[in-house]
PDB file of N, CA and C in Angstrom:
ATOM      1  N   UNK A   1    -184.383 -60.777 108.354  1.00  0.00           N
ATOM      2  CA  UNK A   1    -184.414 -61.866 107.396  1.00  0.00           C
ATOM      3  C   UNK A   1    -184.779 -63.156 108.139  1.00  0.00           C
ATOM      4  N   UNK A   2    -185.690 -63.897 107.561  1.00  0.00           N
ATOM      5  CA  UNK A   2    -186.106 -65.171 108.138  1.00  0.00           C
ATOM      6  C   UNK A   2    -185.008 -66.213 107.943  1.00  0.00           C
ATOM      7  N   UNK A   3    -184.746 -67.001 108.974  1.00  0.00           N
ATOM      8  CA  UNK A   3    -183.711 -68.027 108.885  1.00  0.00           C
ATOM      9  C   UNK A   3    -184.186 -69.158 107.976  1.00  0.00           C
ATOM     10  N   UNK A   4    -183.351 -69.549 107.042  1.00  0.00           N
ATOM     11  CA  UNK A   4    -183.673 -70.657 106.143  1.00  0.00           C
ATOM     12  C   UNK A   4    -182.972 -71.915 106.642  1.00  0.00           C
ATOM     13  N   UNK A   5    -183.485 -73.037 106.200  1.00  0.00           N
ATOM     14  CA  UNK A   5    -182.846 -74.302 106.535  1.00  0.00           C
ATOM     15  C   UNK A   5    -181.474 -74.347 105.880  1.00  0.00           C
ATOM     16  N   UNK A   6    -180.464 -74.738 106.647  1.00  0.00           N
ATOM     17  CA  UNK A   6    -179.113 -74.848 106.097  1.00  0.00           C
ATOM     18  C   UNK A   6    -178.982 -76.123 105.280  1.00  0.00           C
ATOM     19  N   UNK A   7    -178.063 -76.088 104.334  1.00  0.00           N
ATOM     20  CA  UNK A   7    -177.776 -77.289 103.560  1.00  0.00           C
ATOM     21  C   UNK A   7    -176.981 -78.264 104.417  1.00  0.00           C
ATOM     22  N   UNK A   8    -176.857 -79.472 103.924  1.00  0.00           N
ATOM     23  CA  UNK A   8    -176.062 -80.497 104.590  1.00  0.00           C
ATOM     24  C   UNK A   8    -174.602 -80.051 104.673  1.00  0.00           C
ATOM     25  N   UNK A   9    -173.857 -80.614 105.587  1.00  0.00           N
ATOM     26  CA  UNK A   9    -172.440 -80.274 105.722  1.00  0.00           C
ATOM     27  C   UNK A   9    -171.611 -80.761 104.544  1.00  0.00           C
ATOM     28  N   UNK A  10    -172.060 -81.830 103.899  1.00  0.00           N
ATOM     29  CA  UNK A  10    -171.321 -82.401 102.764  1.00  0.00           C
ATOM     30  C   UNK A  10    -172.211 -82.418 101.536  1.00  0.00           C
ATOM     31  N   UNK A  11    -171.594 -82.232 100.372  1.00  0.00           N
ATOM     32  CA  UNK A  11    -172.316 -82.165  99.107  1.00  0.00           C
ATOM     33  C   UNK A  11    -171.811 -83.244  98.175  1.00  0.00           C
ATOM     34  N   UNK A  12    -172.715 -84.015  97.615  1.00  0.00           N
ATOM     35  CA  UNK A  12    -172.396 -85.020  96.598  1.00  0.00           C
ATOM     36  C   UNK A  12    -173.123 -84.633  95.322  1.00  0.00           C
ATOM     37  N   UNK A  13    -172.377 -84.291  94.294  1.00  0.00           N
ATOM     38  CA  UNK A  13    -172.939 -83.800  93.046  1.00  0.00           C
ATOM     39  C   UNK A  13    -174.010 -84.726  92.476  1.00  0.00           C
ATOM     40  N   UNK A  14    -173.779 -86.022  92.553  1.00  0.00           N
ATOM     41  CA  UNK A  14    -174.729 -86.970  91.956  1.00  0.00           C
ATOM     42  C   UNK A  14    -176.071 -86.993  92.685  1.00  0.00           C
ATOM     43  N   UNK A  15    -176.136 -86.432  93.901  1.00  0.00           N
ATOM     44  CA  UNK A  15    -177.386 -86.420  94.665  1.00  0.00           C
ATOM     45  C   UNK A  15    -178.160 -85.111  94.541  1.00  0.00           C
ATOM     46  N   UNK A  16    -177.628 -84.154  93.806  1.00  0.00           N
ATOM     47  CA  UNK A  16    -178.276 -82.842  93.693  1.00  0.00           C
ATOM     48  C   UNK A  16    -178.748 -82.608  92.261  1.00  0.00           C
ATOM     49  N   UNK A  17    -179.925 -82.041  92.135  1.00  0.00           N
ATOM     50  CA  UNK A  17    -180.500 -81.762  90.825  1.00  0.00           C
ATOM     51  C   UNK A  17    -179.919 -80.494  90.217  1.00  0.00           C
ATOM     52  N   UNK A  18    -179.810 -80.508  88.882  1.00  0.00           N
ATOM     53  CA  UNK A  18    -179.500 -79.302  88.132  1.00  0.00           C
ATOM     54  C   UNK A  18    -180.836 -78.681  87.780  1.00  0.00           C
ATOM     55  N   UNK A  19    -180.953 -77.364  87.924  1.00  0.00           N
ATOM     56  CA  UNK A  19    -182.200 -76.694  87.574  1.00  0.00           C
ATOM     57  C   UNK A  19    -181.955 -75.636  86.508  1.00  0.00           C
ATOM     58  N   UNK A  20    -182.991 -75.402  85.708  1.00  0.00           N
ATOM     59  CA  UNK A  20    -182.923 -74.402  84.646  1.00  0.00           C
ATOM     60  C   UNK A  20    -182.769 -73.016  85.267  1.00  0.00           C
ATOM     61  N   UNK A  21    -181.797 -72.243  84.809  1.00  0.00           N
ATOM     62  CA  UNK A  21    -181.601 -70.877  85.285  1.00  0.00           C
ATOM     63  C   UNK A  21    -181.961 -69.869  84.192  1.00  0.00           C
ATOM     64  N   UNK A  22    -181.571 -70.179  82.947  1.00  0.00           N
ATOM     65  CA  UNK A  22    -181.822 -69.310  81.796  1.00  0.00           C
ATOM     66  C   UNK A  22    -181.541 -70.151  80.559  1.00  0.00           C
ATOM     67  N   UNK A  23    -181.766 -69.597  79.385  1.00  0.00           N
ATOM     68  CA  UNK A  23    -181.529 -70.341  78.157  1.00  0.00           C
ATOM     69  C   UNK A  23    -180.057 -70.770  78.077  1.00  0.00           C
ATOM     70  N   UNK A  24    -179.810 -72.088  78.034  1.00  0.00           N
ATOM     71  CA  UNK A  24    -178.457 -72.612  77.942  1.00  0.00           C
ATOM     72  C   UNK A  24    -177.685 -72.576  79.252  1.00  0.00           C
ATOM     73  N   UNK A  25    -178.377 -72.296  80.367  1.00  0.00           N
ATOM     74  CA  UNK A  25    -177.722 -72.188  81.673  1.00  0.00           C
ATOM     75  C   UNK A  25    -178.490 -73.011  82.706  1.00  0.00           C
ATOM     76  N   UNK A  26    -177.752 -73.871  83.422  1.00  0.00           N
ATOM     77  CA  UNK A  26    -178.336 -74.620  84.528  1.00  0.00           C
ATOM     78  C   UNK A  26    -177.493 -74.392  85.773  1.00  0.00           C
ATOM     79  N   UNK A  27    -178.103 -74.599  86.941  1.00  0.00           N
ATOM     80  CA  UNK A  27    -177.369 -74.396  88.185  1.00  0.00           C
ATOM     81  C   UNK A  27    -177.673 -75.508  89.175  1.00  0.00           C
ATOM     82  N   UNK A  28    -176.715 -75.703  90.070  1.00  0.00           N
ATOM     83  CA  UNK A  28    -176.809 -76.716  91.113  1.00  0.00           C
ATOM     84  C   UNK A  28    -176.337 -76.056  92.412  1.00  0.00           C
ATOM     85  N   UNK A  29    -177.228 -75.974  93.390  1.00  0.00           N
ATOM     86  CA  UNK A  29    -176.866 -75.361  94.663  1.00  0.00           C
ATOM     87  C   UNK A  29    -176.021 -76.352  95.449  1.00  0.00           C
ATOM     88  N   UNK A  30    -174.826 -75.913  95.838  1.00  0.00           N
ATOM     89  CA  UNK A  30    -173.870 -76.765  96.542  1.00  0.00           C
ATOM     90  C   UNK A  30    -174.071 -76.681  98.046  1.00  0.00           C
ATOM     91  N   UNK A  31    -174.131 -75.460  98.581  1.00  0.00           N
ATOM     92  CA  UNK A  31    -174.272 -75.276 100.022  1.00  0.00           C
ATOM     93  C   UNK A  31    -174.852 -73.902 100.307  1.00  0.00           C
ATOM     94  N   UNK A  32    -175.556 -73.799 101.451  1.00  0.00           N
ATOM     95  CA  UNK A  32    -176.099 -72.488 101.819  1.00  0.00           C
ATOM     96  C   UNK A  32    -176.545 -72.453 103.274  1.00  0.00           C
ATOM     97  N   UNK A  33    -176.513 -71.248 103.819  1.00  0.00           N
ATOM     98  CA  UNK A  33    -177.217 -70.877 105.036  1.00  0.00           C
ATOM     99  C   UNK A  33    -177.656 -69.439 104.808  1.00  0.00           C
ATOM    100  N   UNK A  34    -178.058 -68.711 105.829  1.00  0.00           N
ATOM    101  CA  UNK A  34    -178.500 -67.328 105.598  1.00  0.00           C
ATOM    102  C   UNK A  34    -177.382 -66.428 105.089  1.00  0.00           C
ATOM    103  N   UNK A  35    -176.146 -66.714 105.489  1.00  0.00           N
ATOM    104  CA  UNK A  35    -175.028 -65.812 105.211  1.00  0.00           C
ATOM    105  C   UNK A  35    -174.277 -66.085 103.923  1.00  0.00           C
ATOM    106  N   UNK A  36    -174.330 -67.312 103.426  1.00  0.00           N
ATOM    107  CA  UNK A  36    -173.489 -67.691 102.294  1.00  0.00           C
ATOM    108  C   UNK A  36    -174.181 -68.733 101.427  1.00  0.00           C
ATOM    109  N   UNK A  37    -173.987 -68.620 100.123  1.00  0.00           N
ATOM    110  CA  UNK A  37    -174.486 -69.631  99.191  1.00  0.00           C
ATOM    111  C   UNK A  37    -173.400 -69.909  98.160  1.00  0.00           C
ATOM    112  N   UNK A  38    -173.215 -71.190  97.851  1.00  0.00           N
ATOM    113  CA  UNK A  38    -172.253 -71.643  96.847  1.00  0.00           C
ATOM    114  C   UNK A  38    -173.033 -72.396  95.770  1.00  0.00           C
ATOM    115  N   UNK A  39    -172.845 -71.989  94.499  1.00  0.00           N
ATOM    116  CA  UNK A  39    -173.634 -72.523  93.396  1.00  0.00           C
ATOM    117  C   UNK A  39    -172.727 -72.856  92.219  1.00  0.00           C
ATOM    118  N   UNK A  40    -172.936 -74.026  91.620  1.00  0.00           N
ATOM    119  CA  UNK A  40    -172.266 -74.400  90.382  1.00  0.00           C
ATOM    120  C   UNK A  40    -173.187 -74.013  89.230  1.00  0.00           C
ATOM    121  N   UNK A  41    -172.645 -73.300  88.230  1.00  0.00           N
ATOM    122  CA  UNK A  41    -173.462 -72.822  87.117  1.00  0.00           C
ATOM    123  C   UNK A  41    -172.837 -73.304  85.810  1.00  0.00           C
ATOM    124  N   UNK A  42    -173.606 -74.081  85.050  1.00  0.00           N
ATOM    125  CA  UNK A  42    -173.124 -74.677  83.796  1.00  0.00           C
ATOM    126  C   UNK A  42    -173.687 -73.889  82.610  1.00  0.00           C
ATOM    127  N   UNK A  43    -172.792 -73.468  81.709  1.00  0.00           N
ATOM    128  CA  UNK A  43    -173.162 -72.684  80.529  1.00  0.00           C
ATOM    129  C   UNK A  43    -172.878 -73.465  79.249  1.00  0.00           C
ATOM    130  N   UNK A  44    -173.809 -73.406  78.308  1.00  0.00           N
ATOM    131  CA  UNK A  44    -173.566 -73.893  76.954  1.00  0.00           C
ATOM    132  C   UNK A  44    -172.926 -72.749  76.167  1.00  0.00           C
ATOM    133  N   UNK A  45    -172.207 -73.096  75.105  1.00  0.00           N
ATOM    134  CA  UNK A  45    -171.583 -72.065  74.260  1.00  0.00           C
ATOM    135  C   UNK A  45    -172.646 -71.090  73.764  1.00  0.00           C
ATOM    136  N   UNK A  46    -172.353 -69.800  73.889  1.00  0.00           N
ATOM    137  CA  UNK A  46    -173.261 -68.761  73.423  1.00  0.00           C
ATOM    138  C   UNK A  46    -174.305 -68.333  74.438  1.00  0.00           C
ATOM    139  N   UNK A  47    -174.440 -69.068  75.535  1.00  0.00           N
ATOM    140  CA  UNK A  47    -175.422 -68.703  76.562  1.00  0.00           C
ATOM    141  C   UNK A  47    -175.010 -67.386  77.218  1.00  0.00           C
ATOM    142  N   UNK A  48    -176.008 -66.603  77.592  1.00  0.00           N
ATOM    143  CA  UNK A  48    -175.754 -65.299  78.197  1.00  0.00           C
ATOM    144  C   UNK A  48    -176.504 -65.194  79.524  1.00  0.00           C
ATOM    145  N   UNK A  49    -175.754 -64.914  80.568  1.00  0.00           N
ATOM    146  CA  UNK A  49    -176.354 -64.533  81.840  1.00  0.00           C
ATOM    147  C   UNK A  49    -176.680 -63.062  81.702  1.00  0.00           C
ATOM    148  N   UNK A  50    -177.959 -62.739  81.538  1.00  0.00           N
ATOM    149  CA  UNK A  50    -178.378 -61.391  81.170  1.00  0.00           C
ATOM    150  C   UNK A  50    -177.980 -60.329  82.191  1.00  0.00           C
ATOM    151  N   UNK A  51    -177.904 -59.100  81.727  1.00  0.00           N
ATOM    152  CA  UNK A  51    -177.534 -57.959  82.546  1.00  0.00           C
ATOM    153  C   UNK A  51    -178.472 -57.857  83.747  1.00  0.00           C
ATOM    154  N   UNK A  52    -177.878 -57.804  84.939  1.00  0.00           N
ATOM    155  CA  UNK A  52    -178.669 -57.713  86.158  1.00  0.00           C
ATOM    156  C   UNK A  52    -177.813 -57.180  87.304  1.00  0.00           C
ATOM    157  N   UNK A  53    -178.460 -56.887  88.407  1.00  0.00           N
ATOM    158  CA  UNK A  53    -177.784 -56.475  89.633  1.00  0.00           C
ATOM    159  C   UNK A  53    -178.554 -57.083  90.795  1.00  0.00           C
ATOM    160  N   UNK A  54    -177.883 -57.263  91.919  1.00  0.00           N
ATOM    161  CA  UNK A  54    -178.523 -57.778  93.127  1.00  0.00           C
ATOM    162  C   UNK A  54    -177.793 -57.230  94.346  1.00  0.00           C
ATOM    163  N   UNK A  55    -178.411 -57.359  95.501  1.00  0.00           N
ATOM    164  CA  UNK A  55    -177.853 -56.793  96.733  1.00  0.00           C
ATOM    165  C   UNK A  55    -176.677 -57.591  97.275  1.00  0.00           C
ATOM    166  N   UNK A  56    -176.442 -58.755  96.720  1.00  0.00           N
ATOM    167  CA  UNK A  56    -175.434 -59.674  97.240  1.00  0.00           C
ATOM    168  C   UNK A  56    -174.026 -59.333  96.759  1.00  0.00           C
ATOM    169  N   UNK A  57    -173.038 -59.569  97.605  1.00  0.00           N
ATOM    170  CA  UNK A  57    -171.642 -59.621  97.142  1.00  0.00           C
ATOM    171  C   UNK A  57    -171.494 -60.963  96.454  1.00  0.00           C
ATOM    172  N   UNK A  58    -170.794 -60.993  95.327  1.00  0.00           N
ATOM    173  CA  UNK A  58    -170.618 -62.240  94.570  1.00  0.00           C
ATOM    174  C   UNK A  58    -169.149 -62.426  94.237  1.00  0.00           C
ATOM    175  N   UNK A  59    -168.629 -63.603  94.549  1.00  0.00           N
ATOM    176  CA  UNK A  59    -167.299 -64.002  94.122  1.00  0.00           C
ATOM    177  C   UNK A  59    -167.463 -65.231  93.258  1.00  0.00           C
ATOM    178  N   UNK A  60    -166.807 -65.267  92.108  1.00  0.00           N
ATOM    179  CA  UNK A  60    -166.968 -66.387  91.178  1.00  0.00           C
ATOM    180  C   UNK A  60    -165.621 -66.905  90.699  1.00  0.00           C
ATOM    181  N   UNK A  61    -165.575 -68.215  90.465  1.00  0.00           N
ATOM    182  CA  UNK A  61    -164.377 -68.914  90.017  1.00  0.00           C
ATOM    183  C   UNK A  61    -164.707 -69.668  88.739  1.00  0.00           C
ATOM    184  N   UNK A  62    -163.867 -69.540  87.716  1.00  0.00           N
ATOM    185  CA  UNK A  62    -164.071 -70.243  86.445  1.00  0.00           C
ATOM    186  C   UNK A  62    -163.432 -71.626  86.561  1.00  0.00           C
ATOM    187  N   UNK A  63    -164.276 -72.654  86.601  1.00  0.00           N
ATOM    188  CA  UNK A  63    -163.798 -74.039  86.682  1.00  0.00           C
ATOM    189  C   UNK A  63    -163.327 -74.502  85.312  1.00  0.00           C
ATOM    190  N   UNK A  64    -164.132 -74.202  84.281  1.00  0.00           N
ATOM    191  CA  UNK A  64    -163.802 -74.621  82.918  1.00  0.00           C
ATOM    192  C   UNK A  64    -164.469 -73.672  81.932  1.00  0.00           C
ATOM    193  N   UNK A  65    -164.029 -73.730  80.685  1.00  0.00           N
ATOM    194  CA  UNK A  65    -164.611 -72.907  79.634  1.00  0.00           C
ATOM    195  C   UNK A  65    -163.947 -71.550  79.513  1.00  0.00           C
ATOM    196  N   UNK A  66    -164.609 -70.683  78.748  1.00  0.00           N
ATOM    197  CA  UNK A  66    -164.118 -69.316  78.522  1.00  0.00           C
ATOM    198  C   UNK A  66    -165.333 -68.398  78.518  1.00  0.00           C
ATOM    199  N   UNK A  67    -165.212 -67.279  79.242  1.00  0.00           N
ATOM    200  CA  UNK A  67    -166.328 -66.363  79.429  1.00  0.00           C
ATOM    201  C   UNK A  67    -165.902 -64.925  79.213  1.00  0.00           C
ATOM    202  N   UNK A  68    -166.803 -64.127  78.666  1.00  0.00           N
ATOM    203  CA  UNK A  68    -166.643 -62.679  78.673  1.00  0.00           C
ATOM    204  C   UNK A  68    -167.504 -62.192  79.833  1.00  0.00           C
ATOM    205  N   UNK A  69    -166.858 -61.622  80.842  1.00  0.00           N
ATOM    206  CA  UNK A  69    -167.544 -61.134  82.027  1.00  0.00           C
ATOM    207  C   UNK A  69    -167.515 -59.611  82.001  1.00  0.00           C
ATOM    208  N   UNK A  70    -168.669 -58.988  82.200  1.00  0.00           N
ATOM    209  CA  UNK A  70    -168.754 -57.532  82.238  1.00  0.00           C
ATOM    210  C   UNK A  70    -169.332 -57.117  83.585  1.00  0.00           C
ATOM    211  N   UNK A  71    -168.605 -56.241  84.284  1.00  0.00           N
ATOM    212  CA  UNK A  71    -169.021 -55.733  85.592  1.00  0.00           C
ATOM    213  C   UNK A  71    -168.899 -54.209  85.547  1.00  0.00           C
ATOM    214  N   UNK A  72    -170.012 -53.544  85.778  1.00  0.00           N
ATOM    215  CA  UNK A  72    -170.038 -52.072  85.782  1.00  0.00           C
ATOM    216  C   UNK A  72    -169.384 -51.485  84.529  1.00  0.00           C
ATOM    217  N   UNK A  73    -169.658 -52.100  83.371  1.00  0.00           N
ATOM    218  CA  UNK A  73    -169.162 -51.596  82.099  1.00  0.00           C
ATOM    219  C   UNK A  73    -167.761 -52.030  81.711  1.00  0.00           C
ATOM    220  N   UNK A  74    -167.046 -52.710  82.600  1.00  0.00           N
ATOM    221  CA  UNK A  74    -165.689 -53.198  82.308  1.00  0.00           C
ATOM    222  C   UNK A  74    -165.735 -54.686  81.980  1.00  0.00           C
ATOM    223  N   UNK A  75    -165.138 -55.088  80.860  1.00  0.00           N
ATOM    224  CA  UNK A  75    -165.178 -56.480  80.411  1.00  0.00           C
ATOM    225  C   UNK A  75    -163.794 -57.114  80.419  1.00  0.00           C
ATOM    226  N   UNK A  76    -163.765 -58.399  80.709  1.00  0.00           N
ATOM    227  CA  UNK A  76    -162.542 -59.214  80.654  1.00  0.00           C
ATOM    228  C   UNK A  76    -162.915 -60.589  80.123  1.00  0.00           C
ATOM    229  N   UNK A  77    -161.985 -61.212  79.410  1.00  0.00           N
ATOM    230  CA  UNK A  77    -162.134 -62.605  79.007  1.00  0.00           C
ATOM    231  C   UNK A  77    -161.459 -63.449  80.082  1.00  0.00           C
ATOM    232  N   UNK A  78    -162.214 -64.395  80.649  1.00  0.00           N
ATOM    233  CA  UNK A  78    -161.703 -65.239  81.725  1.00  0.00           C
ATOM    234  C   UNK A  78    -161.789 -66.706  81.334  1.00  0.00           C
ATOM    235  N   UNK A  79    -160.777 -67.475  81.776  1.00  0.00           N
ATOM    236  CA  UNK A  79    -160.702 -68.911  81.496  1.00  0.00           C
ATOM    237  C   UNK A  79    -160.506 -69.676  82.797  1.00  0.00           C
ATOM    238  N   UNK A  80    -160.431 -71.002  82.689  1.00  0.00           N
ATOM    239  CA  UNK A  80    -160.267 -71.857  83.867  1.00  0.00           C
ATOM    240  C   UNK A  80    -159.153 -71.339  84.769  1.00  0.00           C
ATOM    241  N   UNK A  81    -159.458 -71.257  86.058  1.00  0.00           N
ATOM    242  CA  UNK A  81    -158.498 -70.775  87.034  1.00  0.00           C
ATOM    243  C   UNK A  81    -158.632 -69.298  87.357  1.00  0.00           C
ATOM    244  N   UNK A  82    -159.369 -68.549  86.516  1.00  0.00           N
ATOM    245  CA  UNK A  82    -159.592 -67.126  86.751  1.00  0.00           C
ATOM    246  C   UNK A  82    -160.827 -66.937  87.630  1.00  0.00           C
ATOM    247  N   UNK A  83    -161.055 -65.720  88.055  1.00  0.00           N
ATOM    248  CA  UNK A  83    -162.224 -65.434  88.875  1.00  0.00           C
ATOM    249  C   UNK A  83    -162.584 -63.970  88.806  1.00  0.00           C
ATOM    250  N   UNK A  84    -163.686 -63.607  89.468  1.00  0.00           N
ATOM    251  CA  UNK A  84    -164.126 -62.218  89.493  1.00  0.00           C
ATOM    252  C   UNK A  84    -164.966 -61.938  90.727  1.00  0.00           C
ATOM    253  N   UNK A  85    -165.079 -60.644  91.067  1.00  0.00           N
ATOM    254  CA  UNK A  85    -165.859 -60.190  92.206  1.00  0.00           C
ATOM    255  C   UNK A  85    -166.872 -59.160  91.732  1.00  0.00           C
ATOM    256  N   UNK A  86    -168.118 -59.316  92.174  1.00  0.00           N
ATOM    257  CA  UNK A  86    -169.180 -58.366  91.848  1.00  0.00           C
ATOM    258  C   UNK A  86    -169.653 -57.722  93.149  1.00  0.00           C
ATOM    259  N   UNK A  87    -169.432 -56.416  93.308  1.00  0.00           N
ATOM    260  CA  UNK A  87    -169.916 -55.748  94.512  1.00  0.00           C
ATOM    261  C   UNK A  87    -171.444 -55.663  94.521  1.00  0.00           C
ATOM    262  N   UNK A  88    -172.048 -55.456  95.676  1.00  0.00           N
ATOM    263  CA  UNK A  88    -173.506 -55.311  95.737  1.00  0.00           C
ATOM    264  C   UNK A  88    -173.998 -54.223  94.787  1.00  0.00           C
ATOM    265  N   UNK A  89    -175.112 -54.522  94.126  1.00  0.00           N
ATOM    266  CA  UNK A  89    -175.831 -53.593  93.242  1.00  0.00           C
ATOM    267  C   UNK A  89    -175.090 -53.207  91.965  1.00  0.00           C
ATOM    268  N   UNK A  90    -173.990 -53.869  91.634  1.00  0.00           N
ATOM    269  CA  UNK A  90    -173.266 -53.585  90.390  1.00  0.00           C
ATOM    270  C   UNK A  90    -173.925 -54.318  89.219  1.00  0.00           C
ATOM    271  N   UNK A  91    -174.149 -53.611  88.132  1.00  0.00           N
ATOM    272  CA  UNK A  91    -174.687 -54.249  86.925  1.00  0.00           C
ATOM    273  C   UNK A  91    -173.619 -55.169  86.342  1.00  0.00           C
ATOM    274  N   UNK A  92    -174.022 -56.396  85.997  1.00  0.00           N
ATOM    275  CA  UNK A  92    -173.065 -57.360  85.450  1.00  0.00           C
ATOM    276  C   UNK A  92    -173.776 -58.394  84.588  1.00  0.00           C
ATOM    277  N   UNK A  93    -172.984 -59.057  83.733  1.00  0.00           N
ATOM    278  CA  UNK A  93    -173.497 -60.130  82.895  1.00  0.00           C
ATOM    279  C   UNK A  93    -172.342 -60.999  82.432  1.00  0.00           C
ATOM    280  N   UNK A  94    -172.684 -62.178  81.927  1.00  0.00           N
ATOM    281  CA  UNK A  94    -171.672 -63.129  81.452  1.00  0.00           C
ATOM    282  C   UNK A  94    -172.089 -63.683  80.096  1.00  0.00           C
ATOM    283  N   UNK A  95    -171.116 -63.804  79.203  1.00  0.00           N
ATOM    284  CA  UNK A  95    -171.341 -64.450  77.910  1.00  0.00           C
ATOM    285  C   UNK A  95    -170.387 -65.623  77.808  1.00  0.00           C
ATOM    286  N   UNK A  96    -170.925 -66.798  77.494  1.00  0.00           N
ATOM    287  CA  UNK A  96    -170.106 -68.001  77.410  1.00  0.00           C
ATOM    288  C   UNK A  96    -169.520 -68.136  76.006  1.00  0.00           C
ATOM    289  N   UNK A  97    -168.198 -68.085  75.905  1.00  0.00           N
ATOM    290  CA  UNK A  97    -167.490 -68.196  74.627  1.00  0.00           C
ATOM    291  C   UNK A  97    -167.195 -69.661  74.319  1.00  0.00           C
ATOM    292  N   UNK A  98    -166.796 -70.418  75.333  1.00  0.00           N
ATOM    293  CA  UNK A  98    -166.596 -71.870  75.234  1.00  0.00           C
ATOM    294  C   UNK A  98    -167.324 -72.503  76.400  1.00  0.00           C
ATOM    295  N   UNK A  99    -168.048 -73.627  76.190  1.00  0.00           N
ATOM    296  CA  UNK A  99    -168.845 -74.223  77.256  1.00  0.00           C
ATOM    297  C   UNK A  99    -168.031 -74.368  78.539  1.00  0.00           C
ATOM    298  N   UNK A 100    -168.693 -74.089  79.670  1.00  0.00           N
ATOM    299  CA  UNK A 100    -167.957 -74.156  80.916  1.00  0.00           C
ATOM    300  C   UNK A 100    -168.820 -74.068  82.157  1.00  0.00           C
ATOM    301  N   UNK A 101    -168.120 -74.040  83.281  1.00  0.00           N
ATOM    302  CA  UNK A 101    -168.762 -74.008  84.593  1.00  0.00           C
ATOM    303  C   UNK A 101    -168.136 -72.910  85.441  1.00  0.00           C
ATOM    304  N   UNK A 102    -169.008 -72.150  86.109  1.00  0.00           N
ATOM    305  CA  UNK A 102    -168.596 -71.172  87.109  1.00  0.00           C
ATOM    306  C   UNK A 102    -169.040 -71.669  88.483  1.00  0.00           C
ATOM    307  N   UNK A 103    -168.260 -71.380  89.496  1.00  0.00           N
ATOM    308  CA  UNK A 103    -168.696 -71.565  90.873  1.00  0.00           C
ATOM    309  C   UNK A 103    -168.936 -70.162  91.431  1.00  0.00           C
ATOM    310  N   UNK A 104    -170.190 -69.883  91.769  1.00  0.00           N
ATOM    311  CA  UNK A 104    -170.570 -68.578  92.306  1.00  0.00           C
ATOM    312  C   UNK A 104    -170.785 -68.681  93.812  1.00  0.00           C
ATOM    313  N   UNK A 105    -170.299 -67.696  94.538  1.00  0.00           N
ATOM    314  CA  UNK A 105    -170.591 -67.591  95.965  1.00  0.00           C
ATOM    315  C   UNK A 105    -171.292 -66.260  96.205  1.00  0.00           C
ATOM    316  N   UNK A 106    -172.279 -66.281  97.084  1.00  0.00           N
ATOM    317  CA  UNK A 106    -173.080 -65.096  97.367  1.00  0.00           C
ATOM    318  C   UNK A 106    -173.179 -64.863  98.864  1.00  0.00           C
ATOM    319  N   UNK A 107    -173.079 -63.573  99.246  1.00  0.00           N
ATOM    320  CA  UNK A 107    -173.341 -63.172 100.619  1.00  0.00           C
ATOM    321  C   UNK A 107    -174.244 -61.956 100.568  1.00  0.00           C
ATOM    322  N   UNK A 108    -175.408 -61.967 101.247  1.00  0.00           N
ATOM    323  CA  UNK A 108    -175.997 -63.117 101.908  1.00  0.00           C
ATOM    324  C   UNK A 108    -176.490 -64.144 100.886  1.00  0.00           C
ATOM    325  N   UNK A 109    -177.028 -65.221 101.382  1.00  0.00           N
ATOM    326  CA  UNK A 109    -177.555 -66.285 100.543  1.00  0.00           C
ATOM    327  C   UNK A 109    -178.621 -65.754  99.576  1.00  0.00           C
ATOM    328  N   UNK A 110    -178.682 -66.327  98.384  1.00  0.00           N
ATOM    329  CA  UNK A 110    -179.694 -65.957  97.387  1.00  0.00           C
ATOM    330  C   UNK A 110    -180.999 -66.687  97.703  1.00  0.00           C
ATOM    331  N   UNK A 111    -181.850 -66.066  98.491  1.00  0.00           N
ATOM    332  CA  UNK A 111    -183.131 -66.674  98.862  1.00  0.00           C
ATOM    333  C   UNK A 111    -183.972 -66.968  97.629  1.00  0.00           C
ATOM    334  N   UNK A 112    -183.825 -66.154  96.567  1.00  0.00           N
ATOM    335  CA  UNK A 112    -184.601 -66.351  95.353  1.00  0.00           C
ATOM    336  C   UNK A 112    -184.230 -67.638  94.612  1.00  0.00           C
ATOM    337  N   UNK A 113    -183.081 -68.236  94.929  1.00  0.00           N
ATOM    338  CA  UNK A 113    -182.672 -69.490  94.302  1.00  0.00           C
ATOM    339  C   UNK A 113    -183.274 -70.713  95.014  1.00  0.00           C
ATOM    340  N   UNK A 114    -183.746 -70.527  96.237  1.00  0.00           N
ATOM    341  CA  UNK A 114    -184.253 -71.646  97.018  1.00  0.00           C
ATOM    342  C   UNK A 114    -185.728 -71.870  96.738  1.00  0.00           C
ATOM    343  N   UNK A 115    -186.096 -73.125  96.560  1.00  0.00           N
ATOM    344  CA  UNK A 115    -187.483 -73.474  96.334  1.00  0.00           C
ATOM    345  C   UNK A 115    -188.265 -73.257  97.620  1.00  0.00           C
ATOM    346  N   UNK A 116    -189.417 -72.661  97.485  1.00  0.00           N
ATOM    347  CA  UNK A 116    -190.297 -72.456  98.649  1.00  0.00           C
ATOM    348  C   UNK A 116    -191.190 -73.668  98.813  1.00  0.00           C
ATOM    349  N   UNK A 117    -191.213 -74.230 100.018  1.00  0.00           N
ATOM    350  CA  UNK A 117    -192.066 -75.394 100.285  1.00  0.00           C
ATOM    351  C   UNK A 117    -193.468 -74.964 100.670  1.00  0.00           C
TER     352      UNK A 117
END
């Protein structure tokens, strides 16, 4: 894997852009290097993070809102303070029941989220 430029040591939300991720979903990359990426993901009510899988381990924390999270066919309703883990290559998706924010962490870093210069 090619080494990517690491993010700054400190993150200020007001200095980082939100980018379109999917219908009703935007994301803001907080920090990253080759091994780890931390991303804030904002969902509008009814937005769906479509069914997908990736090679990354993913740990997520619900900052606000209410979500139906499905991982490998098992679903749970999660609210602020809850979290979930997605193993590599597991099919998963999220449905936003009440507008909210997730903090997603990925290992290794999601190279597909980084803009290519």
